[in-house]
PDB file of all heavy atoms in Angstrom:
ATOM      1  N   ARG A   1      85.457  89.479  75.992  1.00  0.00           N
ATOM      2  CA  ARG A   1      85.590  88.390  76.956  1.00  0.00           C
ATOM      3  C   ARG A   1      86.191  88.866  78.228  1.00  0.00           C
ATOM      4  O   ARG A   1      86.030  88.212  79.273  1.00  0.00           O
ATOM      5  CB  ARG A   1      86.508  87.318  76.352  1.00  0.00           C
ATOM      6  CG  ARG A   1      85.910  86.544  75.203  1.00  0.00           C
ATOM      7  CD  ARG A   1      85.367  85.285  75.797  1.00  0.00           C
ATOM      8  NE  ARG A   1      84.618  84.501  74.802  1.00  0.00           N
ATOM      9  CZ  ARG A   1      84.848  83.242  74.535  1.00  0.00           C
ATOM     10  NH1 ARG A   1      85.798  82.603  75.175  1.00  0.00           N
ATOM     11  NH2 ARG A   1      84.083  82.592  73.651  1.00  0.00           N
ATOM     12  N   VAL A   2      86.947  90.016  78.184  1.00  0.00           N
ATOM     13  CA  VAL A   2      87.655  90.510  79.367  1.00  0.00           C
ATOM     14  C   VAL A   2      87.363  92.013  79.525  1.00  0.00           C
ATOM     15  O   VAL A   2      87.389  92.786  78.518  1.00  0.00           O
ATOM     16  CB  VAL A   2      89.130  90.279  79.266  1.00  0.00           C
ATOM     17  CG1 VAL A   2      89.912  90.811  80.495  1.00  0.00           C
ATOM     18  CG2 VAL A   2      89.455  88.807  79.049  1.00  0.00           C
ATOM     19  N   TYR A   3      87.121  92.393  80.757  1.00  0.00           N
ATOM     20  CA  TYR A   3      86.964  93.847  81.105  1.00  0.00           C
ATOM     21  C   TYR A   3      88.103  94.178  82.059  1.00  0.00           C
ATOM     22  O   TYR A   3      88.274  93.470  83.113  1.00  0.00           O
ATOM     23  CB  TYR A   3      85.600  94.107  81.721  1.00  0.00           C
ATOM     24  CG  TYR A   3      85.527  95.543  82.261  1.00  0.00           C
ATOM     25  CD1 TYR A   3      85.321  96.601  81.390  1.00  0.00           C
ATOM     26  CD2 TYR A   3      85.703  95.784  83.610  1.00  0.00           C
ATOM     27  CE1 TYR A   3      85.233  97.898  81.891  1.00  0.00           C
ATOM     28  CE2 TYR A   3      85.636  97.074  84.096  1.00  0.00           C
ATOM     29  CZ  TYR A   3      85.413  98.118  83.245  1.00  0.00           C
ATOM     30  OH  TYR A   3      85.360  99.428  83.706  1.00  0.00           O
ATOM     31  N   ILE A   4      88.873  95.175  81.770  1.00  0.00           N
ATOM     32  CA  ILE A   4      89.988  95.551  82.609  1.00  0.00           C
ATOM     33  C   ILE A   4      89.788  97.012  83.120  1.00  0.00           C
ATOM     34  O   ILE A   4      89.453  97.874  82.328  1.00  0.00           O
ATOM     35  CB  ILE A   4      91.341  95.523  81.786  1.00  0.00           C
ATOM     36  CG1 ILE A   4      91.519  94.162  81.190  1.00  0.00           C
ATOM     37  CG2 ILE A   4      92.499  95.931  82.653  1.00  0.00           C
ATOM     38  CD1 ILE A   4      92.574  94.130  80.089  1.00  0.00           C
ATOM     39  N   ASP A   5      89.928  97.174  84.442  1.00  0.00           N
ATOM     40  CA  ASP A   5      89.701  98.502  84.999  1.00  0.00           C
ATOM     41  C   ASP A   5      90.769  98.796  86.067  1.00  0.00           C
ATOM     42  O   ASP A   5      90.705  98.292  87.182  1.00  0.00           O
ATOM     43  CB  ASP A   5      88.262  98.564  85.606  1.00  0.00           C
ATOM     44  CG  ASP A   5      87.874  99.962  85.980  1.00  0.00           C
ATOM     45  OD1 ASP A   5      88.731 100.812  86.212  1.00  0.00           O
ATOM     46  OD2 ASP A   5      86.641 100.162  86.035  1.00  0.00           O
ATOM     47  N   PHE A   6      91.687  99.657  85.731  1.00  0.00           N
ATOM     48  CA  PHE A   6      92.718 100.076  86.689  1.00  0.00           C
ATOM     49  C   PHE A   6      92.483 101.494  87.119  1.00  0.00           C
ATOM     50  O   PHE A   6      93.363 102.230  87.450  1.00  0.00           O
ATOM     51  CB  PHE A   6      94.119  99.926  86.085  1.00  0.00           C
ATOM     52  CG  PHE A   6      94.593  98.478  86.000  1.00  0.00           C
ATOM     53  CD1 PHE A   6      94.679  97.872  84.770  1.00  0.00           C
ATOM     54  CD2 PHE A   6      94.862  97.779  87.130  1.00  0.00           C
ATOM     55  CE1 PHE A   6      95.081  96.515  84.681  1.00  0.00           C
ATOM     56  CE2 PHE A   6      95.271  96.436  87.064  1.00  0.00           C
ATOM     57  CZ  PHE A   6      95.366  95.863  85.812  1.00  0.00           C
ATOM     58  N   GLY A   7      91.173 101.897  87.136  1.00  0.00           N
ATOM     59  CA  GLY A   7      90.816 103.216  87.568  1.00  0.00           C
ATOM     60  C   GLY A   7      90.744 103.395  89.086  1.00  0.00           C
ATOM     61  O   GLY A   7      91.296 102.567  89.810  1.00  0.00           O
ATOM     62  N   GLU A   8      90.211 104.541  89.455  1.00  0.00           N
ATOM     63  CA  GLU A   8      90.190 104.917  90.882  1.00  0.00           C
ATOM     64  C   GLU A   8      89.192 104.144  91.692  1.00  0.00           C
ATOM     65  O   GLU A   8      89.363 104.035  92.936  1.00  0.00           O
ATOM     66  CB  GLU A   8      89.854 106.389  90.975  1.00  0.00           C
ATOM     67  CG  GLU A   8      90.905 107.262  90.371  1.00  0.00           C
ATOM     68  CD  GLU A   8      92.246 107.192  91.068  1.00  0.00           C
ATOM     69  OE1 GLU A   8      92.266 107.061  92.330  1.00  0.00           O
ATOM     70  OE2 GLU A   8      93.267 107.286  90.386  1.00  0.00           O
ATOM     71  N   HIS A   9      88.118 103.616  91.174  1.00  0.00           N
ATOM     72  CA  HIS A   9      87.073 102.879  91.878  1.00  0.00           C
ATOM     73  C   HIS A   9      86.606 103.649  93.126  1.00  0.00           C
ATOM     74  O   HIS A   9      86.793 103.225  94.235  1.00  0.00           O
ATOM     75  CB  HIS A   9      87.559 101.489  92.296  1.00  0.00           C
ATOM     76  CG  HIS A   9      87.819 100.597  91.130  1.00  0.00           C
ATOM     77  ND1 HIS A   9      86.871  99.873  90.480  1.00  0.00           N
ATOM     78  CD2 HIS A   9      88.999 100.354  90.445  1.00  0.00           C
ATOM     79  CE1 HIS A   9      87.421  99.201  89.484  1.00  0.00           C
ATOM     80  NE2 HIS A   9      88.709  99.457  89.440  1.00  0.00           N
ATOM     81  N   PRO A  10      85.944 104.780  92.899  1.00  0.00           N
ATOM     82  CA  PRO A  10      85.528 105.611  94.043  1.00  0.00           C
ATOM     83  C   PRO A  10      84.418 104.953  94.864  1.00  0.00           C
ATOM     84  O   PRO A  10      84.151 105.391  95.993  1.00  0.00           O
ATOM     85  CB  PRO A  10      85.025 106.901  93.385  1.00  0.00           C
ATOM     86  CG  PRO A  10      84.647 106.489  92.017  1.00  0.00           C
ATOM     87  CD  PRO A  10      85.590 105.401  91.612  1.00  0.00           C
ATOM     88  N   GLY A  11      83.758 103.971  94.341  1.00  0.00           N
ATOM     89  CA  GLY A  11      82.723 103.239  95.051  1.00  0.00           C
ATOM     90  C   GLY A  11      82.425 101.994  94.268  1.00  0.00           C
ATOM     91  O   GLY A  11      83.184 101.597  93.370  1.00  0.00           O
ATOM     92  N   LYS A  12      81.331 101.335  94.627  1.00  0.00           N
ATOM     93  CA  LYS A  12      80.956 100.162  93.898  1.00  0.00           C
ATOM     94  C   LYS A  12      80.701 100.550  92.434  1.00  0.00           C
ATOM     95  O   LYS A  12      79.643 101.137  92.098  1.00  0.00           O
ATOM     96  CB  LYS A  12      79.614  99.627  94.474  1.00  0.00           C
ATOM     97  CG  LYS A  12      79.765  98.263  95.080  1.00  0.00           C
ATOM     98  CD  LYS A  12      78.407  97.769  95.536  1.00  0.00           C
ATOM     99  CE  LYS A  12      78.600  97.003  96.790  1.00  0.00           C
ATOM    100  NZ  LYS A  12      77.390  96.406  97.237  1.00  0.00           N
ATOM    101  N   ASP A  13      81.660 100.261  91.566  1.00  0.00           N
ATOM    102  CA  ASP A  13      81.563 100.765  90.210  1.00  0.00           C
ATOM    103  C   ASP A  13      80.606  99.899  89.398  1.00  0.00           C
ATOM    104  O   ASP A  13      80.481  98.691  89.519  1.00  0.00           O
ATOM    105  CB  ASP A  13      82.951 100.691  89.529  1.00  0.00           C
ATOM    106  CG  ASP A  13      83.897 101.742  90.049  1.00  0.00           C
ATOM    107  OD1 ASP A  13      83.408 102.736  90.552  1.00  0.00           O
ATOM    108  OD2 ASP A  13      85.106 101.545  89.923  1.00  0.00           O
ATOM    109  N   ARG A  14      79.824 100.617  88.547  1.00  0.00           N
ATOM    110  CA  ARG A  14      78.777  99.990  87.742  1.00  0.00           C
ATOM    111  C   ARG A  14      79.311  99.139  86.633  1.00  0.00           C
ATOM    112  O   ARG A  14      78.892  97.998  86.435  1.00  0.00           O
ATOM    113  CB  ARG A  14      77.865 101.087  87.189  1.00  0.00           C
ATOM    114  CG  ARG A  14      76.637 100.547  86.598  1.00  0.00           C
ATOM    115  CD  ARG A  14      75.747 101.648  86.046  1.00  0.00           C
ATOM    116  NE  ARG A  14      76.047 101.759  84.653  1.00  0.00           N
ATOM    117  CZ  ARG A  14      76.060 102.894  83.964  1.00  0.00           C
ATOM    118  NH1 ARG A  14      75.763 104.006  84.518  1.00  0.00           N
ATOM    119  NH2 ARG A  14      76.288 102.894  82.687  1.00  0.00           N
ATOM    120  N   ILE A  15      80.272  99.632  85.869  1.00  0.00           N
ATOM    121  CA  ILE A  15      80.727  98.913  84.673  1.00  0.00           C
ATOM    122  C   ILE A  15      81.385  97.585  85.025  1.00  0.00           C
ATOM    123  O   ILE A  15      81.072  96.572  84.348  1.00  0.00           O
ATOM    124  CB  ILE A  15      81.585  99.797  83.745  1.00  0.00           C
ATOM    125  CG1 ILE A  15      80.746 100.952  83.254  1.00  0.00           C
ATOM    126  CG2 ILE A  15      82.108  99.016  82.578  1.00  0.00           C
ATOM    127  CD1 ILE A  15      81.478 101.885  82.274  1.00  0.00           C
ATOM    128  N   PRO A  16      82.258  97.481  86.004  1.00  0.00           N
ATOM    129  CA  PRO A  16      82.804  96.117  86.313  1.00  0.00           C
ATOM    130  C   PRO A  16      81.703  95.121  86.655  1.00  0.00           C
ATOM    131  O   PRO A  16      81.723  93.974  86.241  1.00  0.00           O
ATOM    132  CB  PRO A  16      83.734  96.335  87.487  1.00  0.00           C
ATOM    133  CG  PRO A  16      84.102  97.777  87.421  1.00  0.00           C
ATOM    134  CD  PRO A  16      82.890  98.502  86.840  1.00  0.00           C
ATOM    135  N   ARG A  17      80.706  95.588  87.379  1.00  0.00           N
ATOM    136  CA  ARG A  17      79.585  94.730  87.728  1.00  0.00           C
ATOM    137  C   ARG A  17      78.770  94.335  86.537  1.00  0.00           C
ATOM    138  O   ARG A  17      78.398  93.184  86.383  1.00  0.00           O
ATOM    139  CB  ARG A  17      78.720  95.436  88.768  1.00  0.00           C
ATOM    140  CG  ARG A  17      79.509  95.721  90.078  1.00  0.00           C
ATOM    141  CD  ARG A  17      78.922  96.891  90.891  1.00  0.00           C
ATOM    142  NE  ARG A  17      77.482  96.756  91.178  1.00  0.00           N
ATOM    143  CZ  ARG A  17      76.997  95.937  92.132  1.00  0.00           C
ATOM    144  NH1 ARG A  17      77.823  95.243  92.875  1.00  0.00           N
ATOM    145  NH2 ARG A  17      75.703  95.889  92.330  1.00  0.00           N
ATOM    146  N   GLU A  18      78.484  95.301  85.687  1.00  0.00           N
ATOM    147  CA  GLU A  18      77.714  94.970  84.452  1.00  0.00           C
ATOM    148  C   GLU A  18      78.523  94.017  83.518  1.00  0.00           C
ATOM    149  O   GLU A  18      77.944  93.138  82.937  1.00  0.00           O
ATOM    150  CB  GLU A  18      77.389  96.265  83.685  1.00  0.00           C
ATOM    151  CG  GLU A  18      76.346  97.120  84.386  1.00  0.00           C
ATOM    152  CD  GLU A  18      76.148  98.468  83.723  1.00  0.00           C
ATOM    153  OE1 GLU A  18      76.851  98.795  82.762  1.00  0.00           O
ATOM    154  OE2 GLU A  18      75.264  99.204  84.165  1.00  0.00           O
ATOM    155  N   ALA A  19      79.838  94.230  83.463  1.00  0.00           N
ATOM    156  CA  ALA A  19      80.683  93.343  82.645  1.00  0.00           C
ATOM    157  C   ALA A  19      80.609  91.931  83.196  1.00  0.00           C
ATOM    158  O   ALA A  19      80.503  90.999  82.418  1.00  0.00           O
ATOM    159  CB  ALA A  19      82.108  93.921  82.616  1.00  0.00           C
ATOM    160  N   ALA A  20      80.714  91.790  84.479  1.00  0.00           N
ATOM    161  CA  ALA A  20      80.654  90.453  85.080  1.00  0.00           C
ATOM    162  C   ALA A  20      79.337  89.786  84.790  1.00  0.00           C
ATOM    163  O   ALA A  20      79.307  88.589  84.441  1.00  0.00           O
ATOM    164  CB  ALA A  20      80.898  90.550  86.600  1.00  0.00           C
ATOM    165  N   ILE A  21      78.239  90.478  84.971  1.00  0.00           N
ATOM    166  CA  ILE A  21      76.932  89.906  84.706  1.00  0.00           C
ATOM    167  C   ILE A  21      76.765  89.570  83.239  1.00  0.00           C
ATOM    168  O   ILE A  21      76.085  88.543  82.886  1.00  0.00           O
ATOM    169  CB  ILE A  21      75.830  90.910  85.145  1.00  0.00           C
ATOM    170  CG1 ILE A  21      75.790  91.101  86.615  1.00  0.00           C
ATOM    171  CG2 ILE A  21      74.449  90.466  84.613  1.00  0.00           C
ATOM    172  CD1 ILE A  21      75.601  89.823  87.401  1.00  0.00           C
ATOM    173  N   MET A  22      77.416  90.297  82.381  1.00  0.00           N
ATOM    174  CA  MET A  22      77.339  89.990  80.916  1.00  0.00           C
ATOM    175  C   MET A  22      78.285  88.894  80.525  1.00  0.00           C
ATOM    176  O   MET A  22      78.390  88.526  79.335  1.00  0.00           O
ATOM    177  CB  MET A  22      77.647  91.272  80.093  1.00  0.00           C
ATOM    178  CG  MET A  22      76.562  92.333  80.294  1.00  0.00           C
ATOM    179  SD  MET A  22      76.981  93.908  79.516  1.00  0.00           S
ATOM    180  CE  MET A  22      76.613  93.466  77.810  1.00  0.00           C
ATOM    181  N   GLY A  23      79.016  88.264  81.465  1.00  0.00           N
ATOM    182  CA  GLY A  23      79.829  87.155  81.220  1.00  0.00           C
ATOM    183  C   GLY A  23      81.285  87.436  80.884  1.00  0.00           C
ATOM    184  O   GLY A  23      81.995  86.579  80.327  1.00  0.00           O
ATOM    185  N   LEU A  24      81.793  88.608  81.219  1.00  0.00           N
ATOM    186  CA  LEU A  24      83.191  88.962  80.988  1.00  0.00           C
ATOM    187  C   LEU A  24      84.048  88.639  82.233  1.00  0.00           C
ATOM    188  O   LEU A  24      83.554  88.725  83.352  1.00  0.00           O
ATOM    189  CB  LEU A  24      83.347  90.436  80.650  1.00  0.00           C
ATOM    190  CG  LEU A  24      83.057  90.873  79.292  1.00  0.00           C
ATOM    191  CD1 LEU A  24      81.556  90.899  78.999  1.00  0.00           C
ATOM    192  CD2 LEU A  24      83.656  92.242  78.986  1.00  0.00           C
ATOM    193  N   CYS A  25      85.276  88.277  81.982  1.00  0.00           N
ATOM    194  CA  CYS A  25      86.234  88.179  83.068  1.00  0.00           C
ATOM    195  C   CYS A  25      86.571  89.615  83.470  1.00  0.00           C
ATOM    196  O   CYS A  25      86.817  90.427  82.628  1.00  0.00           O
ATOM    197  CB  CYS A  25      87.509  87.413  82.628  1.00  0.00           C
ATOM    198  SG  CYS A  25      87.216  85.709  82.216  1.00  0.00           S
ATOM    199  N   VAL A  26      86.581  89.865  84.770  1.00  0.00           N
ATOM    200  CA  VAL A  26      86.874  91.239  85.261  1.00  0.00           C
ATOM    201  C   VAL A  26      88.224  91.218  85.912  1.00  0.00           C
ATOM    202  O   VAL A  26      88.485  90.447  86.803  1.00  0.00           O
ATOM    203  CB  VAL A  26      85.782  91.677  86.241  1.00  0.00           C
ATOM    204  CG1 VAL A  26      86.123  93.026  86.861  1.00  0.00           C
ATOM    205  CG2 VAL A  26      84.436  91.743  85.540  1.00  0.00           C
ATOM    206  N   ILE A  27      89.087  92.132  85.461  1.00  0.00           N
ATOM    207  CA  ILE A  27      90.425  92.327  86.004  1.00  0.00           C
ATOM    208  C   ILE A  27      90.489  93.739  86.493  1.00  0.00           C
ATOM    209  O   ILE A  27      90.174  94.667  85.724  1.00  0.00           O
ATOM    210  CB  ILE A  27      91.517  92.028  84.942  1.00  0.00           C
ATOM    211  CG1 ILE A  27      91.434  90.565  84.554  1.00  0.00           C
ATOM    212  CG2 ILE A  27      92.888  92.384  85.508  1.00  0.00           C
ATOM    213  CD1 ILE A  27      92.356  90.165  83.392  1.00  0.00           C
ATOM    214  N   THR A  28      90.904  93.989  87.734  1.00  0.00           N
ATOM    215  CA  THR A  28      90.996  95.326  88.276  1.00  0.00           C
ATOM    216  C   THR A  28      92.356  95.597  88.945  1.00  0.00           C
ATOM    217  O   THR A  28      93.097  94.663  89.185  1.00  0.00           O
ATOM    218  CB  THR A  28      89.843  95.611  89.320  1.00  0.00           C
ATOM    219  OG1 THR A  28      90.150  94.853  90.481  1.00  0.00           O
ATOM    220  CG2 THR A  28      88.507  95.296  88.797  1.00  0.00           C
ATOM    221  N   GLY A  29      92.508  96.863  89.238  1.00  0.00           N
ATOM    222  CA  GLY A  29      93.595  97.252  90.095  1.00  0.00           C
ATOM    223  C   GLY A  29      93.164  97.071  91.555  1.00  0.00           C
ATOM    224  O   GLY A  29      92.168  96.398  91.816  1.00  0.00           O
ATOM    225  N   LYS A  30      93.908  97.716  92.446  1.00  0.00           N
ATOM    226  CA  LYS A  30      93.563  97.599  93.847  1.00  0.00           C
ATOM    227  C   LYS A  30      93.427  98.989  94.493  1.00  0.00           C
ATOM    228  O   LYS A  30      93.760  99.187  95.659  1.00  0.00           O
ATOM    229  CB  LYS A  30      94.670  96.837  94.599  1.00  0.00           C
ATOM    230  CG  LYS A  30      94.662  95.347  94.232  1.00  0.00           C
ATOM    231  CD  LYS A  30      95.654  94.606  95.152  1.00  0.00           C
ATOM    232  CE  LYS A  30      95.576  93.135  94.922  1.00  0.00           C
ATOM    233  NZ  LYS A  30      96.487  92.408  95.837  1.00  0.00           N
TER     234      LYS A  30
END
């Protein structure tokens, strides 16, 4: 239900986007 990513995010990251499209809440760092 939730995808959490506190990584470096060097660019438009694929997994957060895929997680969102699959219906997960996305929580990230900054």
